[in-house]
Amino acid sequence: MVSLVPLDVDDPRAHALLEEYFQMRAQTFPVGQTYQPTFPVREAFEPPAGIFLVAVNEGLDVGCAGIRRLPDTSEGGRYELKHLYLRPETRGRGWGRHLVAALVEQAREWDAYDLVLDTHHTLTAAGALYASQGFAETERYNDNPNATRWYRKVL
């Protein structure tokens, strides 16, 4: 099984996974389009503003994901799921669902009213994962140049 370890996004272990994720996205982005990576800001992923989790299996870092609170005036607020990544050789084991479920639970503990995310339509497995976890397509909520689909889960 995989364990989830909270780390700062600028921790070398987290940074290495994010770098790997951004390289993979750049290599697989549609021809003629440019993937524009943005490394997360540490403060945005520090509790209670957010959290960043690294998935560890048998002592190896195999994936990551985080949530961050979006600017909002509502009680609890809106959180955004960011940077869900699992190394290709570890996919299909349910670890993505485990990461998402842990982050959904954390958002609930912080009294979030919903959790949103953006993704690209070419990431069909990610879209299926989000749908299986109760996320539904929603209106565009940001200007991420890498995104073509937006999802929301009411908590």
C-alpha atoms as a PDB file:
ATOM      1  CA  MET A   1       0.000   0.000   0.000  1.00  0.00           C
ATOM      2  CA  VAL A   2       0.956   3.593  -0.361  1.00  0.00           C
ATOM      3  CA  SER A   3       1.347   6.064   2.487  1.00  0.00           C
ATOM      4  CA  LEU A   4       0.728   9.794   2.170  1.00  0.00           C
ATOM      5  CA  VAL A   5       3.278  12.189   3.643  1.00  0.00           C
ATOM      6  CA  PRO A   6       2.678  15.938   3.914  1.00  0.00           C
ATOM      7  CA  LEU A   7       5.670  17.888   2.582  1.00  0.00           C
ATOM      8  CA  ASP A   8       6.371  21.492   1.692  1.00  0.00           C
ATOM      9  CA  VAL A   9       6.042  21.966  -2.073  1.00  0.00           C
ATOM     10  CA  ASP A  10       9.612  23.259  -2.172  1.00  0.00           C
ATOM     11  CA  ASP A  11      10.993  20.219  -0.338  1.00  0.00           C
ATOM     12  CA  PRO A  12      13.452  18.474  -2.700  1.00  0.00           C
ATOM     13  CA  ARG A  13      11.325  15.317  -2.769  1.00  0.00           C
ATOM     14  CA  ALA A  14       8.153  17.205  -3.709  1.00  0.00           C
ATOM     15  CA  HIS A  15      10.026  19.403  -6.163  1.00  0.00           C
ATOM     16  CA  ALA A  16      11.477  16.336  -7.934  1.00  0.00           C
ATOM     17  CA  LEU A  17       8.004  14.860  -8.439  1.00  0.00           C
ATOM     18  CA  LEU A  18       6.632  18.179  -9.690  1.00  0.00           C
ATOM     19  CA  GLU A  19       9.542  18.544 -12.111  1.00  0.00           C
ATOM     20  CA  GLU A  20       8.893  15.022 -13.409  1.00  0.00           C
ATOM     21  CA  TYR A  21       5.177  15.793 -13.771  1.00  0.00           C
ATOM     22  CA  PHE A  22       5.809  19.051 -15.652  1.00  0.00           C
ATOM     23  CA  GLN A  23       8.287  17.345 -18.002  1.00  0.00           C
ATOM     24  CA  MET A  24       5.804  14.560 -18.738  1.00  0.00           C
ATOM     25  CA  ARG A  25       3.027  17.090 -19.462  1.00  0.00           C
ATOM     26  CA  ALA A  26       5.301  19.136 -21.737  1.00  0.00           C
ATOM     27  CA  GLN A  27       6.240  15.995 -23.704  1.00  0.00           C
ATOM     28  CA  THR A  28       2.645  14.821 -24.097  1.00  0.00           C
ATOM     29  CA  PHE A  29       0.926  18.156 -24.670  1.00  0.00           C
ATOM     30  CA  PRO A  30      -0.854  18.423 -28.027  1.00  0.00           C
ATOM     31  CA  VAL A  31       1.329  19.267 -31.025  1.00  0.00           C
ATOM     32  CA  GLY A  32       1.361  22.981 -31.740  1.00  0.00           C
ATOM     33  CA  GLN A  33       0.575  23.918 -28.127  1.00  0.00           C
ATOM     34  CA  THR A  34       3.028  24.768 -25.375  1.00  0.00           C
ATOM     35  CA  TYR A  35       2.615  23.519 -21.827  1.00  0.00           C
ATOM     36  CA  GLN A  36       3.275  26.331 -19.358  1.00  0.00           C
ATOM     37  CA  PRO A  37       4.400  24.925 -15.980  1.00  0.00           C
ATOM     38  CA  THR A  38       4.023  26.967 -12.826  1.00  0.00           C
ATOM     39  CA  PHE A  39       5.718  25.703  -9.687  1.00  0.00           C
ATOM     40  CA  PRO A  40       3.449  26.120  -6.667  1.00  0.00           C
ATOM     41  CA  VAL A  41       4.113  28.726  -4.014  1.00  0.00           C
ATOM     42  CA  ARG A  42       4.978  27.228  -0.629  1.00  0.00           C
ATOM     43  CA  GLU A  43       2.616  29.426   1.392  1.00  0.00           C
ATOM     44  CA  ALA A  44      -0.383  28.367  -0.700  1.00  0.00           C
ATOM     45  CA  PHE A  45       0.127  24.741   0.377  1.00  0.00           C
ATOM     46  CA  GLU A  46       0.779  25.290   4.085  1.00  0.00           C
ATOM     47  CA  PRO A  47      -2.069  24.457   6.500  1.00  0.00           C
ATOM     48  CA  PRO A  48      -4.728  25.746   6.729  1.00  0.00           C
ATOM     49  CA  ALA A  49      -4.261  27.494   3.365  1.00  0.00           C
ATOM     50  CA  GLY A  50      -3.496  24.134   1.818  1.00  0.00           C
ATOM     51  CA  ILE A  51      -1.517  20.934   1.999  1.00  0.00           C
ATOM     52  CA  PHE A  52       0.745  18.974  -0.339  1.00  0.00           C
ATOM     53  CA  LEU A  53       0.965  15.189  -0.073  1.00  0.00           C
ATOM     54  CA  VAL A  54       3.612  12.850  -1.439  1.00  0.00           C
ATOM     55  CA  ALA A  55       2.665   9.219  -2.014  1.00  0.00           C
ATOM     56  CA  VAL A  56       5.342   6.801  -0.786  1.00  0.00           C
ATOM     57  CA  ASN A  57       5.551   3.081  -1.513  1.00  0.00           C
ATOM     58  CA  GLU A  58       8.316   0.883  -0.122  1.00  0.00           C
ATOM     59  CA  GLY A  59      10.419   3.942   0.632  1.00  0.00           C
ATOM     60  CA  LEU A  60      10.065   5.444  -2.858  1.00  0.00           C
ATOM     61  CA  ASP A  61       8.201   8.642  -3.729  1.00  0.00           C
ATOM     62  CA  VAL A  62       5.699   7.621  -6.389  1.00  0.00           C
ATOM     63  CA  GLY A  63       3.268  10.519  -6.688  1.00  0.00           C
ATOM     64  CA  CYS A  64       1.855  13.730  -5.311  1.00  0.00           C
ATOM     65  CA  ALA A  65      -1.093  16.098  -5.124  1.00  0.00           C
ATOM     66  CA  GLY A  66      -2.227  19.045  -3.083  1.00  0.00           C
ATOM     67  CA  ILE A  67      -5.052  21.404  -2.311  1.00  0.00           C
ATOM     68  CA  ARG A  68      -4.952  25.154  -1.848  1.00  0.00           C
ATOM     69  CA  ARG A  69      -7.589  27.606  -0.692  1.00  0.00           C
ATOM     70  CA  LEU A  70      -8.796  29.965  -3.386  1.00  0.00           C
ATOM     71  CA  PRO A  71      -9.626  33.599  -2.581  1.00  0.00           C
ATOM     72  CA  ASP A  72     -13.204  33.647  -1.365  1.00  0.00           C
ATOM     73  CA  THR A  73     -15.333  35.490   1.147  1.00  0.00           C
ATOM     74  CA  SER A  74     -17.482  32.495   2.157  1.00  0.00           C
ATOM     75  CA  GLU A  75     -17.160  30.636   5.420  1.00  0.00           C
ATOM     76  CA  GLY A  76     -14.860  27.649   4.899  1.00  0.00           C
ATOM     77  CA  GLY A  77     -14.183  28.588   1.330  1.00  0.00           C
ATOM     78  CA  ARG A  78     -13.294  26.947  -1.918  1.00  0.00           C
ATOM     79  CA  TYR A  79     -10.234  24.744  -2.308  1.00  0.00           C
ATOM     80  CA  GLU A  80      -8.537  23.679  -5.522  1.00  0.00           C
ATOM     81  CA  LEU A  81      -6.952  20.292  -6.211  1.00  0.00           C
ATOM     82  CA  LYS A  82      -3.581  20.723  -7.924  1.00  0.00           C
ATOM     83  CA  HIS A  83      -0.720  18.678  -9.379  1.00  0.00           C
ATOM     84  CA  LEU A  84      -2.113  15.152  -9.132  1.00  0.00           C
ATOM     85  CA  TYR A  85       0.643  12.939 -10.474  1.00  0.00           C
ATOM     86  CA  LEU A  86       1.592   9.282 -10.206  1.00  0.00           C
ATOM     87  CA  ARG A  87       4.612   7.781 -11.857  1.00  0.00           C
ATOM     88  CA  PRO A  88       3.458   5.800 -14.907  1.00  0.00           C
ATOM     89  CA  GLU A  89       4.630   2.443 -13.554  1.00  0.00           C
ATOM     90  CA  THR A  90       2.450   2.878 -10.439  1.00  0.00           C
ATOM     91  CA  ARG A  91      -0.841   3.753 -12.124  1.00  0.00           C
ATOM     92  CA  GLY A  92      -3.869   1.484 -11.919  1.00  0.00           C
ATOM     93  CA  ARG A  93      -3.323   0.552  -8.259  1.00  0.00           C
ATOM     94  CA  GLY A  94      -5.913   2.922  -6.772  1.00  0.00           C
ATOM     95  CA  TRP A  95      -3.325   5.312  -5.408  1.00  0.00           C
ATOM     96  CA  GLY A  96      -4.778   8.270  -7.313  1.00  0.00           C
ATOM     97  CA  ARG A  97      -8.160   7.611  -5.690  1.00  0.00           C
ATOM     98  CA  HIS A  98      -6.402   7.377  -2.323  1.00  0.00           C
ATOM     99  CA  LEU A  99      -4.701  10.761  -2.857  1.00  0.00           C
ATOM    100  CA  VAL A 100      -7.907  12.446  -4.010  1.00  0.00           C
ATOM    101  CA  ALA A 101      -9.938  10.967  -1.133  1.00  0.00           C
ATOM    102  CA  ALA A 102      -7.390  12.178   1.441  1.00  0.00           C
ATOM    103  CA  LEU A 103      -7.442  15.683  -0.014  1.00  0.00           C
ATOM    104  CA  VAL A 104     -11.247  15.759  -0.159  1.00  0.00           C
ATOM    105  CA  GLU A 105     -11.334  14.751   3.505  1.00  0.00           C
ATOM    106  CA  GLN A 106      -8.822  17.465   4.409  1.00  0.00           C
ATOM    107  CA  ALA A 107     -10.894  20.103   2.591  1.00  0.00           C
ATOM    108  CA  ARG A 108     -13.959  18.938   4.543  1.00  0.00           C
ATOM    109  CA  GLU A 109     -12.040  19.216   7.818  1.00  0.00           C
ATOM    110  CA  TRP A 110     -11.250  22.825   6.885  1.00  0.00           C
ATOM    111  CA  ASP A 111     -14.991  23.417   6.257  1.00  0.00           C
ATOM    112  CA  ALA A 112     -14.647  23.929   2.513  1.00  0.00           C
ATOM    113  CA  TYR A 113     -17.958  24.135   0.698  1.00  0.00           C
ATOM    114  CA  ASP A 114     -16.485  22.728  -2.523  1.00  0.00           C
ATOM    115  CA  LEU A 115     -13.354  21.496  -4.222  1.00  0.00           C
ATOM    116  CA  VAL A 116     -12.524  22.436  -7.805  1.00  0.00           C
ATOM    117  CA  LEU A 117      -9.846  21.460 -10.279  1.00  0.00           C
ATOM    118  CA  ASP A 118      -8.799  22.022 -13.840  1.00  0.00           C
ATOM    119  CA  THR A 119      -7.352  19.548 -16.294  1.00  0.00           C
ATOM    120  CA  HIS A 120      -6.763  18.988 -19.990  1.00  0.00           C
ATOM    121  CA  HIS A 121      -9.172  16.956 -22.120  1.00  0.00           C
ATOM    122  CA  THR A 122      -6.306  14.701 -23.280  1.00  0.00           C
ATOM    123  CA  LEU A 123      -5.894  13.391 -19.718  1.00  0.00           C
ATOM    124  CA  THR A 124      -8.772  10.949 -20.077  1.00  0.00           C
ATOM    125  CA  ALA A 125      -7.723   8.707 -17.170  1.00  0.00           C
ATOM    126  CA  ALA A 126      -7.601  11.738 -14.881  1.00  0.00           C
ATOM    127  CA  GLY A 127     -11.064  12.814 -16.013  1.00  0.00           C
ATOM    128  CA  ALA A 128     -12.399   9.321 -15.306  1.00  0.00           C
ATOM    129  CA  LEU A 129     -10.755   9.346 -11.866  1.00  0.00           C
ATOM    130  CA  TYR A 130     -12.320  12.695 -10.979  1.00  0.00           C
ATOM    131  CA  ALA A 131     -15.755  11.544 -12.151  1.00  0.00           C
ATOM    132  CA  SER A 132     -15.437   8.357 -10.079  1.00  0.00           C
ATOM    133  CA  GLN A 133     -14.708  10.506  -7.026  1.00  0.00           C
ATOM    134  CA  GLY A 134     -17.864  12.602  -7.437  1.00  0.00           C
ATOM    135  CA  PHE A 135     -16.487  15.553  -9.413  1.00  0.00           C
ATOM    136  CA  ALA A 136     -18.708  16.931 -12.159  1.00  0.00           C
ATOM    137  CA  GLU A 137     -17.756  19.202 -15.038  1.00  0.00           C
ATOM    138  CA  THR A 138     -18.387  22.838 -14.217  1.00  0.00           C
ATOM    139  CA  GLU A 139     -17.858  26.277 -15.667  1.00  0.00           C
ATOM    140  CA  ARG A 140     -14.393  27.692 -16.155  1.00  0.00           C
ATOM    141  CA  TYR A 141     -13.225  29.281 -12.885  1.00  0.00           C
ATOM    142  CA  ASN A 142      -9.671  30.341 -13.806  1.00  0.00           C
ATOM    143  CA  ASP A 143      -7.452  31.331 -16.708  1.00  0.00           C
ATOM    144  CA  ASN A 144      -5.036  28.391 -16.653  1.00  0.00           C
ATOM    145  CA  PRO A 145      -3.660  28.209 -20.221  1.00  0.00           C
ATOM    146  CA  ASN A 146      -3.043  24.464 -19.814  1.00  0.00           C
ATOM    147  CA  ALA A 147      -6.660  23.608 -18.959  1.00  0.00           C
ATOM    148  CA  THR A 148      -9.580  22.743 -21.195  1.00  0.00           C
ATOM    149  CA  ARG A 149     -11.910  21.202 -18.578  1.00  0.00           C
ATOM    150  CA  TRP A 150     -12.990  22.250 -15.101  1.00  0.00           C
ATOM    151  CA  TYR A 151     -14.529  20.075 -12.385  1.00  0.00           C
ATOM    152  CA  ARG A 152     -16.269  20.667  -9.066  1.00  0.00           C
ATOM    153  CA  LYS A 153     -17.248  18.535  -6.090  1.00  0.00           C
ATOM    154  CA  VAL A 154     -19.701  19.972  -3.565  1.00  0.00           C
ATOM    155  CA  LEU A 155     -18.634  19.042  -0.062  1.00  0.00           C
END
